Amino acid sequence: MSVLPRGLTVRRDAGLYGYERALRRVGLAPVAGVDEAGRGACAGPLVAGAVILPEGPRGLVPGLADSKLLTPRARDRCYAEILRRAVAWSVVSIEPEECDRLGMHVANLEALRRSTALLDVRPAYVLTDGFPVDGLQVPGLAVWKGDRVAACIAAASVIAKVTRDQIMTALHERHPVYDFATHKGYVTATHTLALEQHGPCDTHRRRFVNVRRVEGASLATAMVDRGDNEFVTDQAPEAAGRRKAGRMESAR
């Protein structure tokens, strides 16, 4: 359900805390915000965060903004403040294999549902960034660019982003050739070059075209190196099989 309660309106210029204040005035508290990080990356997990901020001065997080607008240092400061101040918060990670199996949009919805369900405090209302999320079990609203106009969504974006960056830095230690610590799994010229040189690793998402392309090229090269390309033929399968067997026999 993606609607505001009847009669309630919120101006987008009401400030970062306008949505939460308006919802609290009509008795809808606590309010949770949920957001994800890593949806557009071709490597690494999809991470979603959910946050309930307290009412009053304690809920005013210094420097809070959309995580994409903050420097890494500012994000880290906000992250620490959010964890210290939040009534409840949660983070979930969906691994590349599950992202490939579900598809990114479905995986994204599932991550937002899981992070909401993991909150220690049940919200009365949920604000999501960009599009509605079915199955939250509570009423909610999809807010366009919500991480820029709703504090709880901005807070969720920060904890999701910082958590995912930490994961990608750890993955860099396992797979240094891809430089995950720098680009965090997103498509960049450096990442593309590393993919072309080394092929994908187990943390790459196979649904992404750039990953499939280099994986296909790597497979074709391996087949040529092994001589398996001889199976690529217009002959009937039986004839192709006989030709391969004949070559193996003569080699002995």
C-alpha atoms as a PDB file:
ATOM      1  CA  MET A   1       0.000   0.000   0.000  1.00  0.00           C
ATOM      2  CA  SER A   2       1.607   3.276  -1.095  1.00  0.00           C
ATOM      3  CA  VAL A   3      -0.595   6.125   0.103  1.00  0.00           C
ATOM      4  CA  LEU A   4      -0.552   8.817   2.743  1.00  0.00           C
ATOM      5  CA  PRO A   5      -3.399   8.711   5.247  1.00  0.00           C
ATOM      6  CA  ARG A   6      -6.493  10.552   4.025  1.00  0.00           C
ATOM      7  CA  GLY A   7      -6.220  14.283   4.431  1.00  0.00           C
ATOM      8  CA  LEU A   8      -2.472  14.246   5.106  1.00  0.00           C
ATOM      9  CA  THR A   9      -0.192  16.143   2.755  1.00  0.00           C
ATOM     10  CA  VAL A  10       3.537  16.723   2.988  1.00  0.00           C
ATOM     11  CA  ARG A  11       5.387  19.389   1.040  1.00  0.00           C
ATOM     12  CA  ARG A  12       8.661  18.200  -0.452  1.00  0.00           C
ATOM     13  CA  ASP A  13      10.260  21.410   0.784  1.00  0.00           C
ATOM     14  CA  ALA A  14       9.153  20.738   4.375  1.00  0.00           C
ATOM     15  CA  GLY A  15      12.679  19.775   5.312  1.00  0.00           C
ATOM     16  CA  LEU A  16      14.381  16.450   5.881  1.00  0.00           C
ATOM     17  CA  TYR A  17      12.151  15.611   8.873  1.00  0.00           C
ATOM     18  CA  GLY A  18       8.854  16.807   7.382  1.00  0.00           C
ATOM     19  CA  TYR A  19       7.466  13.371   6.496  1.00  0.00           C
ATOM     20  CA  GLU A  20       8.128  11.872   9.922  1.00  0.00           C
ATOM     21  CA  ARG A  21       6.651  14.883  11.738  1.00  0.00           C
ATOM     22  CA  ALA A  22       3.513  14.862   9.595  1.00  0.00           C
ATOM     23  CA  LEU A  23       2.960  11.139  10.129  1.00  0.00           C
ATOM     24  CA  ARG A  24       3.501  11.421  13.871  1.00  0.00           C
ATOM     25  CA  ARG A  25       0.907  14.191  14.081  1.00  0.00           C
ATOM     26  CA  VAL A  26      -1.762  11.748  12.863  1.00  0.00           C
ATOM     27  CA  GLY A  27      -0.632   9.003  15.220  1.00  0.00           C
ATOM     28  CA  LEU A  28       1.525   7.001  12.810  1.00  0.00           C
ATOM     29  CA  ALA A  29       4.645   6.362  14.845  1.00  0.00           C
ATOM     30  CA  PRO A  30       7.191   4.965  14.794  1.00  0.00           C
ATOM     31  CA  VAL A  31       8.116   5.640  11.170  1.00  0.00           C
ATOM     32  CA  ALA A  32      10.746   3.493   9.456  1.00  0.00           C
ATOM     33  CA  GLY A  33      12.758   4.358   6.386  1.00  0.00           C
ATOM     34  CA  VAL A  34      14.257   1.699   4.117  1.00  0.00           C
ATOM     35  CA  ASP A  35      16.747   1.990   1.281  1.00  0.00           C
ATOM     36  CA  GLU A  36      19.323  -0.081  -0.562  1.00  0.00           C
ATOM     37  CA  ALA A  37      22.885   0.210  -1.815  1.00  0.00           C
ATOM     38  CA  GLY A  38      24.513  -1.607  -4.700  1.00  0.00           C
ATOM     39  CA  ARG A  39      21.588  -2.156  -7.028  1.00  0.00           C
ATOM     40  CA  GLY A  40      23.501  -0.838 -10.040  1.00  0.00           C
ATOM     41  CA  ALA A  41      26.781  -2.617  -9.286  1.00  0.00           C
ATOM     42  CA  CYS A  42      27.871  -5.618 -11.336  1.00  0.00           C
ATOM     43  CA  ALA A  43      29.745  -7.172  -8.412  1.00  0.00           C
ATOM     44  CA  GLY A  44      29.165  -7.663  -4.719  1.00  0.00           C
ATOM     45  CA  PRO A  45      26.004  -8.017  -2.667  1.00  0.00           C
ATOM     46  CA  LEU A  46      22.878  -5.910  -2.627  1.00  0.00           C
ATOM     47  CA  VAL A  47      22.544  -4.364   0.836  1.00  0.00           C
ATOM     48  CA  ALA A  48      19.395  -2.860   2.349  1.00  0.00           C
ATOM     49  CA  GLY A  49      19.018  -0.884   5.551  1.00  0.00           C
ATOM     50  CA  ALA A  50      16.028   0.063   7.679  1.00  0.00           C
ATOM     51  CA  VAL A  51      16.043   2.760  10.366  1.00  0.00           C
ATOM     52  CA  ILE A  52      13.603   4.185  12.903  1.00  0.00           C
ATOM     53  CA  LEU A  53      14.773   7.520  14.287  1.00  0.00           C
ATOM     54  CA  PRO A  54      13.476   8.814  17.624  1.00  0.00           C
ATOM     55  CA  GLU A  55      11.276  11.879  18.039  1.00  0.00           C
ATOM     56  CA  GLY A  56      12.708  15.116  19.342  1.00  0.00           C
ATOM     57  CA  PRO A  57      16.257  16.454  19.305  1.00  0.00           C
ATOM     58  CA  ARG A  58      17.802  12.999  19.615  1.00  0.00           C
ATOM     59  CA  GLY A  59      16.378  12.107  16.214  1.00  0.00           C
ATOM     60  CA  LEU A  60      18.155  15.012  14.499  1.00  0.00           C
ATOM     61  CA  VAL A  61      21.295  13.374  13.109  1.00  0.00           C
ATOM     62  CA  PRO A  62      24.076  15.923  12.497  1.00  0.00           C
ATOM     63  CA  GLY A  63      25.068  16.148   8.839  1.00  0.00           C
ATOM     64  CA  LEU A  64      22.465  13.621   7.686  1.00  0.00           C
ATOM     65  CA  ALA A  65      21.785  13.584   3.936  1.00  0.00           C
ATOM     66  CA  ASP A  66      21.423  11.196   1.030  1.00  0.00           C
ATOM     67  CA  SER A  67      24.449   8.891   1.305  1.00  0.00           C
ATOM     68  CA  LYS A  68      25.394   9.582  -2.327  1.00  0.00           C
ATOM     69  CA  LEU A  69      25.842  13.278  -1.501  1.00  0.00           C
ATOM     70  CA  LEU A  70      28.193  12.676   1.431  1.00  0.00           C
ATOM     71  CA  THR A  71      31.934  12.171   1.407  1.00  0.00           C
ATOM     72  CA  PRO A  72      33.159   8.831   2.792  1.00  0.00           C
ATOM     73  CA  ARG A  73      34.302  10.536   5.991  1.00  0.00           C
ATOM     74  CA  ALA A  74      30.965  12.322   6.441  1.00  0.00           C
ATOM     75  CA  ARG A  75      29.105   9.057   5.777  1.00  0.00           C
ATOM     76  CA  ASP A  76      31.131   7.292   8.437  1.00  0.00           C
ATOM     77  CA  ARG A  77      30.323  10.022  10.966  1.00  0.00           C
ATOM     78  CA  CYS A  78      26.617   9.837  10.125  1.00  0.00           C
ATOM     79  CA  TYR A  79      26.719   6.049  10.311  1.00  0.00           C
ATOM     80  CA  ALA A  80      28.081   6.147  13.866  1.00  0.00           C
ATOM     81  CA  GLU A  81      25.509   8.767  14.913  1.00  0.00           C
ATOM     82  CA  ILE A  82      22.617   6.813  13.376  1.00  0.00           C
ATOM     83  CA  LEU A  83      23.555   3.613  15.193  1.00  0.00           C
ATOM     84  CA  ARG A  84      23.915   5.551  18.450  1.00  0.00           C
ATOM     85  CA  ARG A  85      20.605   7.407  18.141  1.00  0.00           C
ATOM     86  CA  ALA A  86      18.250   5.021  16.318  1.00  0.00           C
ATOM     87  CA  VAL A  87      15.281   3.444  18.066  1.00  0.00           C
ATOM     88  CA  ALA A  88      15.901   0.431  15.830  1.00  0.00           C
ATOM     89  CA  TRP A  89      17.947  -0.378  12.755  1.00  0.00           C
ATOM     90  CA  SER A  90      18.764  -3.385  10.600  1.00  0.00           C
ATOM     91  CA  VAL A  91      20.881  -4.316   7.604  1.00  0.00           C
ATOM     92  CA  VAL A  92      20.518  -7.280   5.259  1.00  0.00           C
ATOM     93  CA  SER A  93      22.715  -8.500   2.430  1.00  0.00           C
ATOM     94  CA  ILE A  94      21.614 -10.448  -0.648  1.00  0.00           C
ATOM     95  CA  GLU A  95      24.509 -12.234  -2.306  1.00  0.00           C
ATOM     96  CA  PRO A  96      25.222 -12.094  -6.070  1.00  0.00           C
ATOM     97  CA  GLU A  97      23.979 -15.640  -6.662  1.00  0.00           C
ATOM     98  CA  GLU A  98      20.555 -14.792  -5.235  1.00  0.00           C
ATOM     99  CA  CYS A  99      20.496 -11.485  -7.122  1.00  0.00           C
ATOM    100  CA  ASP A 100      21.104 -13.423 -10.349  1.00  0.00           C
ATOM    101  CA  ARG A 101      18.417 -15.962  -9.505  1.00  0.00           C
ATOM    102  CA  LEU A 102      15.759 -13.424  -8.563  1.00  0.00           C
ATOM    103  CA  GLY A 103      16.671 -10.571 -10.886  1.00  0.00           C
ATOM    104  CA  MET A 104      17.723  -7.194  -9.516  1.00  0.00           C
ATOM    105  CA  HIS A 105      14.279  -5.633  -9.120  1.00  0.00           C
ATOM    106  CA  VAL A 106      12.833  -8.628  -7.269  1.00  0.00           C
ATOM    107  CA  ALA A 107      16.019  -8.930  -5.191  1.00  0.00           C
ATOM    108  CA  ASN A 108      15.760  -5.258  -4.323  1.00  0.00           C
ATOM    109  CA  LEU A 109      12.173  -5.612  -3.113  1.00  0.00           C
ATOM    110  CA  GLU A 110      13.095  -8.707  -1.121  1.00  0.00           C
ATOM    111  CA  ALA A 111      16.017  -6.913   0.545  1.00  0.00           C
ATOM    112  CA  LEU A 112      13.766  -4.024   1.590  1.00  0.00           C
ATOM    113  CA  ARG A 113      11.167  -6.443   2.973  1.00  0.00           C
ATOM    114  CA  ARG A 114      13.779  -8.404   4.928  1.00  0.00           C
ATOM    115  CA  SER A 115      15.388  -5.317   6.434  1.00  0.00           C
ATOM    116  CA  THR A 116      11.987  -4.023   7.574  1.00  0.00           C
ATOM    117  CA  ALA A 117      11.055  -7.395   9.077  1.00  0.00           C
ATOM    118  CA  LEU A 118      14.336  -7.506  11.026  1.00  0.00           C
ATOM    119  CA  LEU A 119      13.657  -4.293  12.939  1.00  0.00           C
ATOM    120  CA  ASP A 120      13.381  -4.912  16.683  1.00  0.00           C
ATOM    121  CA  VAL A 121      10.554  -2.364  16.845  1.00  0.00           C
ATOM    122  CA  ARG A 122       7.555  -2.801  14.559  1.00  0.00           C
ATOM    123  CA  PRO A 123       6.921   0.416  12.601  1.00  0.00           C
ATOM    124  CA  ALA A 124       3.452   1.888  12.181  1.00  0.00           C
ATOM    125  CA  TYR A 125       4.402   3.274   8.778  1.00  0.00           C
ATOM    126  CA  VAL A 126       7.239   2.728   6.303  1.00  0.00           C
ATOM    127  CA  LEU A 127       8.765   5.181   3.848  1.00  0.00           C
ATOM    128  CA  THR A 128      10.569   3.638   0.882  1.00  0.00           C
ATOM    129  CA  ASP A 129      12.810   5.292  -1.655  1.00  0.00           C
ATOM    130  CA  GLY A 130      11.447   5.526  -5.174  1.00  0.00           C
ATOM    131  CA  PHE A 131       8.931   2.733  -5.600  1.00  0.00           C
ATOM    132  CA  PRO A 132       6.343   0.873  -3.521  1.00  0.00           C
ATOM    133  CA  VAL A 133       7.262  -2.372  -1.786  1.00  0.00           C
ATOM    134  CA  ASP A 134       4.527  -4.961  -1.378  1.00  0.00           C
ATOM    135  CA  GLY A 135       4.512  -7.363   1.548  1.00  0.00           C
ATOM    136  CA  LEU A 136       5.771  -5.008   4.274  1.00  0.00           C
ATOM    137  CA  GLN A 137       2.782  -5.931   6.508  1.00  0.00           C
ATOM    138  CA  VAL A 138       2.366  -2.250   7.440  1.00  0.00           C
ATOM    139  CA  PRO A 139       1.152   0.763   5.453  1.00  0.00           C
ATOM    140  CA  GLY A 140       3.758   2.764   3.638  1.00  0.00           C
ATOM    141  CA  LEU A 141       4.585   5.322   0.993  1.00  0.00           C
ATOM    142  CA  ALA A 142       7.060   5.320  -1.878  1.00  0.00           C
ATOM    143  CA  VAL A 143       8.777   8.715  -1.917  1.00  0.00           C
ATOM    144  CA  TRP A 144      10.466   9.934  -5.089  1.00  0.00           C
ATOM    145  CA  LYS A 145      14.118  10.589  -4.242  1.00  0.00           C
ATOM    146  CA  GLY A 146      13.145   9.831  -0.691  1.00  0.00           C
ATOM    147  CA  ASP A 147      16.736   9.718   0.532  1.00  0.00           C
ATOM    148  CA  ARG A 148      16.870  13.475  -0.096  1.00  0.00           C
ATOM    149  CA  VAL A 149      13.594  14.490   1.558  1.00  0.00           C
ATOM    150  CA  ALA A 150      12.950  11.981   4.378  1.00  0.00           C
ATOM    151  CA  ALA A 151      15.377  11.614   7.265  1.00  0.00           C
ATOM    152  CA  CYS A 152      14.640   7.965   8.014  1.00  0.00           C
ATOM    153  CA  ILE A 153      15.224   7.000   4.361  1.00  0.00           C
ATOM    154  CA  ALA A 154      18.441   9.032   4.281  1.00  0.00           C
ATOM    155  CA  ALA A 155      19.573   7.248   7.446  1.00  0.00           C
ATOM    156  CA  ALA A 156      18.770   3.876   5.890  1.00  0.00           C
ATOM    157  CA  SER A 157      20.731   4.826   2.780  1.00  0.00           C
ATOM    158  CA  VAL A 158      23.751   5.706   4.911  1.00  0.00           C
ATOM    159  CA  ILE A 159      23.872   2.469   6.890  1.00  0.00           C
ATOM    160  CA  ALA A 160      23.294   0.416   3.734  1.00  0.00           C
ATOM    161  CA  LYS A 161      26.024   2.264   1.830  1.00  0.00           C
ATOM    162  CA  VAL A 162      28.610   2.159   4.618  1.00  0.00           C
ATOM    163  CA  THR A 163      27.940  -1.527   5.278  1.00  0.00           C
ATOM    164  CA  ARG A 164      28.254  -2.389   1.600  1.00  0.00           C
ATOM    165  CA  ASP A 165      31.454  -0.364   1.227  1.00  0.00           C
ATOM    166  CA  GLN A 166      32.942  -2.327   4.130  1.00  0.00           C
ATOM    167  CA  ILE A 167      31.974  -5.594   2.424  1.00  0.00           C
ATOM    168  CA  MET A 168      33.514  -4.489  -0.878  1.00  0.00           C
ATOM    169  CA  THR A 169      36.731  -3.455   0.864  1.00  0.00           C
ATOM    170  CA  ALA A 170      36.924  -6.943   2.389  1.00  0.00           C
ATOM    171  CA  LEU A 171      36.259  -8.493  -1.042  1.00  0.00           C
ATOM    172  CA  HIS A 172      39.134  -6.419  -2.397  1.00  0.00           C
ATOM    173  CA  GLU A 173      41.464  -8.342  -0.089  1.00  0.00           C
ATOM    174  CA  ARG A 174      40.249 -11.622  -1.640  1.00  0.00           C
ATOM    175  CA  HIS A 175      40.224 -10.362  -5.230  1.00  0.00           C
ATOM    176  CA  PRO A 176      42.724  -7.473  -5.468  1.00  0.00           C
ATOM    177  CA  VAL A 177      42.966  -7.593  -9.276  1.00  0.00           C
ATOM    178  CA  TYR A 178      39.508  -5.989  -9.597  1.00  0.00           C
ATOM    179  CA  ASP A 179      40.194  -3.022  -7.269  1.00  0.00           C
ATOM    180  CA  PHE A 180      36.840  -3.394  -5.499  1.00  0.00           C
ATOM    181  CA  ALA A 181      38.014  -1.048  -2.736  1.00  0.00           C
ATOM    182  CA  THR A 182      37.984   1.836  -5.213  1.00  0.00           C
ATOM    183  CA  HIS A 183      34.882   1.370  -7.367  1.00  0.00           C
ATOM    184  CA  LYS A 184      32.869  -0.851  -4.972  1.00  0.00           C
ATOM    185  CA  GLY A 185      31.776  -3.187  -7.769  1.00  0.00           C
ATOM    186  CA  TYR A 186      30.242  -0.559 -10.036  1.00  0.00           C
ATOM    187  CA  VAL A 187      31.012  -0.411 -13.747  1.00  0.00           C
ATOM    188  CA  THR A 188      34.051   1.787 -14.375  1.00  0.00           C
ATOM    189  CA  ALA A 189      36.784   1.795 -17.002  1.00  0.00           C
ATOM    190  CA  THR A 190      39.199   0.228 -14.506  1.00  0.00           C
ATOM    191  CA  HIS A 191      36.717  -2.465 -13.518  1.00  0.00           C
ATOM    192  CA  THR A 192      35.887  -3.230 -17.146  1.00  0.00           C
ATOM    193  CA  LEU A 193      39.574  -3.604 -17.994  1.00  0.00           C
ATOM    194  CA  ALA A 194      40.098  -5.958 -15.042  1.00  0.00           C
ATOM    195  CA  LEU A 195      37.118  -8.040 -16.164  1.00  0.00           C
ATOM    196  CA  GLU A 196      38.527  -8.287 -19.672  1.00  0.00           C
ATOM    197  CA  GLN A 197      41.946  -9.306 -18.366  1.00  0.00           C
ATOM    198  CA  HIS A 198      40.918 -11.735 -15.628  1.00  0.00           C
ATOM    199  CA  GLY A 199      37.311 -12.690 -16.320  1.00  0.00           C
ATOM    200  CA  PRO A 200      34.641 -12.567 -13.592  1.00  0.00           C
ATOM    201  CA  CYS A 201      35.030 -13.988 -10.089  1.00  0.00           C
ATOM    202  CA  ASP A 202      32.418 -15.530  -7.820  1.00  0.00           C
ATOM    203  CA  THR A 203      31.218 -12.158  -6.567  1.00  0.00           C
ATOM    204  CA  HIS A 204      30.283 -10.843 -10.015  1.00  0.00           C
ATOM    205  CA  ARG A 205      26.618 -10.804 -11.042  1.00  0.00           C
ATOM    206  CA  ARG A 206      26.098 -12.938 -14.130  1.00  0.00           C
ATOM    207  CA  ARG A 207      22.898 -11.132 -15.148  1.00  0.00           C
ATOM    208  CA  PHE A 208      24.878  -8.010 -16.022  1.00  0.00           C
ATOM    209  CA  VAL A 209      25.686  -7.753 -19.719  1.00  0.00           C
ATOM    210  CA  ASN A 210      29.295  -6.678 -19.229  1.00  0.00           C
ATOM    211  CA  VAL A 211      29.947  -9.713 -17.010  1.00  0.00           C
ATOM    212  CA  ARG A 212      28.219 -12.136 -19.390  1.00  0.00           C
ATOM    213  CA  ARG A 213      30.176 -10.705 -22.297  1.00  0.00           C
ATOM    214  CA  VAL A 214      33.611 -11.273 -20.769  1.00  0.00           C
ATOM    215  CA  GLU A 215      32.557 -14.618 -19.288  1.00  0.00           C
ATOM    216  CA  GLY A 216      31.476 -15.748 -22.747  1.00  0.00           C
ATOM    217  CA  ALA A 217      34.740 -14.540 -24.248  1.00  0.00           C
ATOM    218  CA  SER A 218      36.737 -16.356 -21.559  1.00  0.00           C
ATOM    219  CA  LEU A 219      34.799 -19.580 -22.191  1.00  0.00           C
ATOM    220  CA  ALA A 220      35.351 -19.321 -25.936  1.00  0.00           C
ATOM    221  CA  THR A 221      39.083 -18.785 -25.409  1.00  0.00           C
ATOM    222  CA  ALA A 222      39.274 -21.794 -23.098  1.00  0.00           C
ATOM    223  CA  MET A 223      37.469 -23.948 -25.652  1.00  0.00           C
ATOM    224  CA  VAL A 224      39.911 -22.915 -28.362  1.00  0.00           C
ATOM    225  CA  ASP A 225      42.868 -23.633 -26.088  1.00  0.00           C
ATOM    226  CA  ARG A 226      41.522 -27.140 -25.370  1.00  0.00           C
ATOM    227  CA  GLY A 227      40.523 -27.838 -28.946  1.00  0.00           C
ATOM    228  CA  ASP A 228      36.865 -28.056 -27.916  1.00  0.00           C
ATOM    229  CA  ASN A 229      35.943 -25.628 -30.667  1.00  0.00           C
ATOM    230  CA  GLU A 230      35.902 -28.609 -33.014  1.00  0.00           C
ATOM    231  CA  PHE A 231      32.405 -29.309 -31.752  1.00  0.00           C
ATOM    232  CA  VAL A 232      31.216 -26.077 -33.352  1.00  0.00           C
ATOM    233  CA  THR A 233      30.180 -27.476 -36.722  1.00  0.00           C
ATOM    234  CA  ASP A 234      27.309 -27.657 -39.168  1.00  0.00           C
ATOM    235  CA  GLN A 235      27.595 -31.445 -39.287  1.00  0.00           C
ATOM    236  CA  ALA A 236      25.181 -33.730 -37.505  1.00  0.00           C
ATOM    237  CA  PRO A 237      26.172 -34.462 -33.887  1.00  0.00           C
ATOM    238  CA  GLU A 238      27.109 -38.043 -34.746  1.00  0.00           C
ATOM    239  CA  ALA A 239      29.485 -36.930 -37.498  1.00  0.00           C
ATOM    240  CA  ALA A 240      31.074 -34.326 -35.282  1.00  0.00           C
ATOM    241  CA  GLY A 241      31.546 -36.914 -32.567  1.00  0.00           C
ATOM    242  CA  ARG A 242      33.200 -39.358 -34.972  1.00  0.00           C
ATOM    243  CA  ARG A 243      35.578 -36.667 -36.214  1.00  0.00           C
ATOM    244  CA  LYS A 244      36.624 -35.823 -32.674  1.00  0.00           C
ATOM    245  CA  ALA A 245      37.102 -39.487 -31.747  1.00  0.00           C
ATOM    246  CA  GLY A 246      39.194 -40.054 -34.861  1.00  0.00           C
ATOM    247  CA  ARG A 247      41.564 -37.289 -33.910  1.00  0.00           C
ATOM    248  CA  MET A 248      41.906 -38.634 -30.392  1.00  0.00           C
ATOM    249  CA  GLU A 249      42.619 -42.113 -31.755  1.00  0.00           C
ATOM    250  CA  SER A 250      45.317 -40.896 -34.116  1.00  0.00           C
ATOM    251  CA  ALA A 251      46.954 -38.981 -31.312  1.00  0.00           C
ATOM    252  CA  ARG A 252      47.492 -42.219 -29.415  1.00  0.00           C
END
